[in-house]
């Protein structure tokens, strides 16, 4: 078993995100997980991610606060313990439209070229 304590979680770079702090909890360069990574992103009010699509599938799980996920199908508000699946190639944007911080788990395959420990 490999434990990552929140106090020891490291920030990692994410493109097209703003007013947020992403922390790697598992996978990539943090643990030997090879099929997925788990990140925790804290979004400030008005923070989010620009509209983008990647070839990687993703699962978002809101753990605190509220985020709005916008896809071609429309906008969906996710609250605590709500989750959504973003398919490979599906464009999405993320917005924290509230005046409170929001935290969201992100589960996805490791980025191409990343190596486990």
C-alpha atoms as a PDB file:
ATOM      1  CA  UNK A   1       0.000   0.000   0.000  1.00  0.00           C
ATOM      2  CA  UNK A   2       1.207   3.488  -0.771  1.00  0.00           C
ATOM      3  CA  UNK A   3      -0.324   6.419   1.085  1.00  0.00           C
ATOM      4  CA  UNK A   4      -0.243  10.029  -0.041  1.00  0.00           C
ATOM      5  CA  UNK A   5      -1.109  12.416   2.773  1.00  0.00           C
ATOM      6  CA  UNK A   6      -2.830  15.587   1.665  1.00  0.00           C
ATOM      7  CA  UNK A   7      -0.168  17.642   3.447  1.00  0.00           C
ATOM      8  CA  UNK A   8       2.477  15.944   1.256  1.00  0.00           C
ATOM      9  CA  UNK A   9       0.598  16.103  -2.071  1.00  0.00           C
ATOM     10  CA  UNK A  10       2.495  18.015  -4.754  1.00  0.00           C
ATOM     11  CA  UNK A  11       1.152  20.513  -7.240  1.00  0.00           C
ATOM     12  CA  UNK A  12       1.291  19.479 -10.879  1.00  0.00           C
ATOM     13  CA  UNK A  13       0.965  21.536 -14.059  1.00  0.00           C
ATOM     14  CA  UNK A  14      -2.291  21.619 -15.990  1.00  0.00           C
ATOM     15  CA  UNK A  15      -2.869  23.492 -19.223  1.00  0.00           C
ATOM     16  CA  UNK A  16      -5.745  25.921 -19.719  1.00  0.00           C
ATOM     17  CA  UNK A  17      -6.737  25.976 -16.017  1.00  0.00           C
ATOM     18  CA  UNK A  18      -6.965  29.189 -14.005  1.00  0.00           C
ATOM     19  CA  UNK A  19      -7.421  30.248 -10.382  1.00  0.00           C
ATOM     20  CA  UNK A  20      -6.968  26.706  -9.119  1.00  0.00           C
ATOM     21  CA  UNK A  21      -4.449  24.427  -7.447  1.00  0.00           C
ATOM     22  CA  UNK A  22      -4.177  20.834  -8.722  1.00  0.00           C
ATOM     23  CA  UNK A  23      -2.562  18.272  -6.396  1.00  0.00           C
ATOM     24  CA  UNK A  24      -1.474  14.778  -7.471  1.00  0.00           C
ATOM     25  CA  UNK A  25      -2.714  12.103  -5.059  1.00  0.00           C
ATOM     26  CA  UNK A  26      -1.878   8.900  -6.946  1.00  0.00           C
ATOM     27  CA  UNK A  27      -0.257   7.760 -10.178  1.00  0.00           C
ATOM     28  CA  UNK A  28       2.184   9.497 -12.543  1.00  0.00           C
ATOM     29  CA  UNK A  29       5.276  10.377 -10.496  1.00  0.00           C
ATOM     30  CA  UNK A  30       3.596   9.889  -7.087  1.00  0.00           C
ATOM     31  CA  UNK A  31       2.809   6.175  -6.875  1.00  0.00           C
ATOM     32  CA  UNK A  32       3.239   3.012  -8.952  1.00  0.00           C
ATOM     33  CA  UNK A  33      -0.349   3.136 -10.309  1.00  0.00           C
ATOM     34  CA  UNK A  34      -0.056   2.628 -14.066  1.00  0.00           C
ATOM     35  CA  UNK A  35      -3.663   2.616 -15.330  1.00  0.00           C
ATOM     36  CA  UNK A  36      -4.895   5.838 -13.766  1.00  0.00           C
ATOM     37  CA  UNK A  37      -3.985   9.024 -11.944  1.00  0.00           C
ATOM     38  CA  UNK A  38      -5.938  10.745  -9.190  1.00  0.00           C
ATOM     39  CA  UNK A  39      -5.738  14.467  -8.702  1.00  0.00           C
ATOM     40  CA  UNK A  40      -7.498  16.862  -6.368  1.00  0.00           C
ATOM     41  CA  UNK A  41      -8.126  20.320  -7.773  1.00  0.00           C
ATOM     42  CA  UNK A  42      -9.140  23.246  -5.587  1.00  0.00           C
ATOM     43  CA  UNK A  43     -10.966  25.926  -7.628  1.00  0.00           C
ATOM     44  CA  UNK A  44     -11.246  29.465  -6.296  1.00  0.00           C
ATOM     45  CA  UNK A  45     -14.447  31.421  -6.981  1.00  0.00           C
ATOM     46  CA  UNK A  46     -14.470  32.221 -10.726  1.00  0.00           C
ATOM     47  CA  UNK A  47     -11.736  29.604 -11.269  1.00  0.00           C
ATOM     48  CA  UNK A  48     -11.977  26.820 -13.785  1.00  0.00           C
ATOM     49  CA  UNK A  49     -10.687  25.316 -17.000  1.00  0.00           C
ATOM     50  CA  UNK A  50     -11.023  26.640 -20.524  1.00  0.00           C
ATOM     51  CA  UNK A  51     -12.957  24.647 -23.095  1.00  0.00           C
ATOM     52  CA  UNK A  52     -10.718  21.832 -24.291  1.00  0.00           C
ATOM     53  CA  UNK A  53     -10.821  18.210 -25.417  1.00  0.00           C
ATOM     54  CA  UNK A  54      -8.146  15.575 -24.878  1.00  0.00           C
ATOM     55  CA  UNK A  55      -7.822  11.962 -26.028  1.00  0.00           C
ATOM     56  CA  UNK A  56      -8.036  10.816 -22.382  1.00  0.00           C
ATOM     57  CA  UNK A  57     -11.244   9.819 -20.613  1.00  0.00           C
ATOM     58  CA  UNK A  58     -11.862  11.465 -17.227  1.00  0.00           C
ATOM     59  CA  UNK A  59     -14.093  11.135 -14.192  1.00  0.00           C
ATOM     60  CA  UNK A  60     -14.806  14.198 -12.062  1.00  0.00           C
ATOM     61  CA  UNK A  61     -16.086  13.843  -8.491  1.00  0.00           C
ATOM     62  CA  UNK A  62     -16.910  17.022  -6.591  1.00  0.00           C
ATOM     63  CA  UNK A  63     -15.975  16.640  -2.926  1.00  0.00           C
ATOM     64  CA  UNK A  64     -16.798  20.137  -1.713  1.00  0.00           C
ATOM     65  CA  UNK A  65     -18.554  23.165  -3.137  1.00  0.00           C
ATOM     66  CA  UNK A  66     -20.057  23.320  -6.600  1.00  0.00           C
ATOM     67  CA  UNK A  67     -18.684  23.356 -10.144  1.00  0.00           C
ATOM     68  CA  UNK A  68     -20.382  23.782 -13.483  1.00  0.00           C
ATOM     69  CA  UNK A  69     -19.228  21.481 -16.277  1.00  0.00           C
ATOM     70  CA  UNK A  70     -20.053  22.756 -19.747  1.00  0.00           C
ATOM     71  CA  UNK A  71     -20.103  20.394 -22.752  1.00  0.00           C
ATOM     72  CA  UNK A  72     -21.722  20.549 -26.174  1.00  0.00           C
ATOM     73  CA  UNK A  73     -24.844  19.147 -24.479  1.00  0.00           C
ATOM     74  CA  UNK A  74     -25.093  22.123 -22.090  1.00  0.00           C
ATOM     75  CA  UNK A  75     -24.110  23.125 -18.568  1.00  0.00           C
ATOM     76  CA  UNK A  76     -24.447  20.784 -15.590  1.00  0.00           C
ATOM     77  CA  UNK A  77     -23.949  21.782 -11.960  1.00  0.00           C
ATOM     78  CA  UNK A  78     -22.188  19.210  -9.799  1.00  0.00           C
ATOM     79  CA  UNK A  79     -22.363  19.378  -5.998  1.00  0.00           C
ATOM     80  CA  UNK A  80     -20.725  17.295  -3.270  1.00  0.00           C
ATOM     81  CA  UNK A  81     -20.312  13.634  -4.312  1.00  0.00           C
ATOM     82  CA  UNK A  82     -21.867  14.238  -7.729  1.00  0.00           C
ATOM     83  CA  UNK A  83     -19.720  12.875 -10.544  1.00  0.00           C
ATOM     84  CA  UNK A  84     -19.517  12.862 -14.309  1.00  0.00           C
ATOM     85  CA  UNK A  85     -17.687  10.965 -17.029  1.00  0.00           C
ATOM     86  CA  UNK A  86     -15.961  12.880 -19.834  1.00  0.00           C
ATOM     87  CA  UNK A  87     -15.367  10.676 -22.890  1.00  0.00           C
ATOM     88  CA  UNK A  88     -12.131  10.762 -24.904  1.00  0.00           C
ATOM     89  CA  UNK A  89     -12.313  13.711 -27.301  1.00  0.00           C
ATOM     90  CA  UNK A  90     -15.320  15.268 -25.546  1.00  0.00           C
ATOM     91  CA  UNK A  91     -14.868  19.026 -25.172  1.00  0.00           C
ATOM     92  CA  UNK A  92     -15.602  20.508 -21.773  1.00  0.00           C
ATOM     93  CA  UNK A  93     -15.074  23.624 -19.707  1.00  0.00           C
ATOM     94  CA  UNK A  94     -15.212  23.895 -15.920  1.00  0.00           C
ATOM     95  CA  UNK A  95     -16.380  26.937 -13.944  1.00  0.00           C
ATOM     96  CA  UNK A  96     -16.762  27.675 -10.269  1.00  0.00           C
ATOM     97  CA  UNK A  97     -19.640  30.139 -10.522  1.00  0.00           C
ATOM     98  CA  UNK A  98     -20.024  30.480  -6.759  1.00  0.00           C
ATOM     99  CA  UNK A  99     -18.364  32.692  -4.159  1.00  0.00           C
ATOM    100  CA  UNK A 100     -16.979  29.677  -2.287  1.00  0.00           C
ATOM    101  CA  UNK A 101     -13.999  27.443  -3.131  1.00  0.00           C
ATOM    102  CA  UNK A 102     -14.765  24.070  -4.713  1.00  0.00           C
ATOM    103  CA  UNK A 103     -12.722  20.844  -4.654  1.00  0.00           C
ATOM    104  CA  UNK A 104     -12.913  18.088  -7.246  1.00  0.00           C
ATOM    105  CA  UNK A 105     -11.226  14.710  -7.675  1.00  0.00           C
ATOM    106  CA  UNK A 106     -10.038  13.941 -11.195  1.00  0.00           C
ATOM    107  CA  UNK A 107      -9.462  10.308 -12.175  1.00  0.00           C
ATOM    108  CA  UNK A 108      -7.933   9.655 -15.589  1.00  0.00           C
ATOM    109  CA  UNK A 109      -5.274   7.628 -17.399  1.00  0.00           C
ATOM    110  CA  UNK A 110      -1.740   8.888 -17.008  1.00  0.00           C
ATOM    111  CA  UNK A 111      -0.638  11.437 -19.590  1.00  0.00           C
ATOM    112  CA  UNK A 112       1.311   9.956 -22.521  1.00  0.00           C
ATOM    113  CA  UNK A 113       5.006   9.690 -21.707  1.00  0.00           C
ATOM    114  CA  UNK A 114       4.567   9.823 -17.930  1.00  0.00           C
ATOM    115  CA  UNK A 115       6.251   7.108 -15.932  1.00  0.00           C
ATOM    116  CA  UNK A 116       5.334   5.581 -12.594  1.00  0.00           C
ATOM    117  CA  UNK A 117       7.922   5.490  -9.852  1.00  0.00           C
END
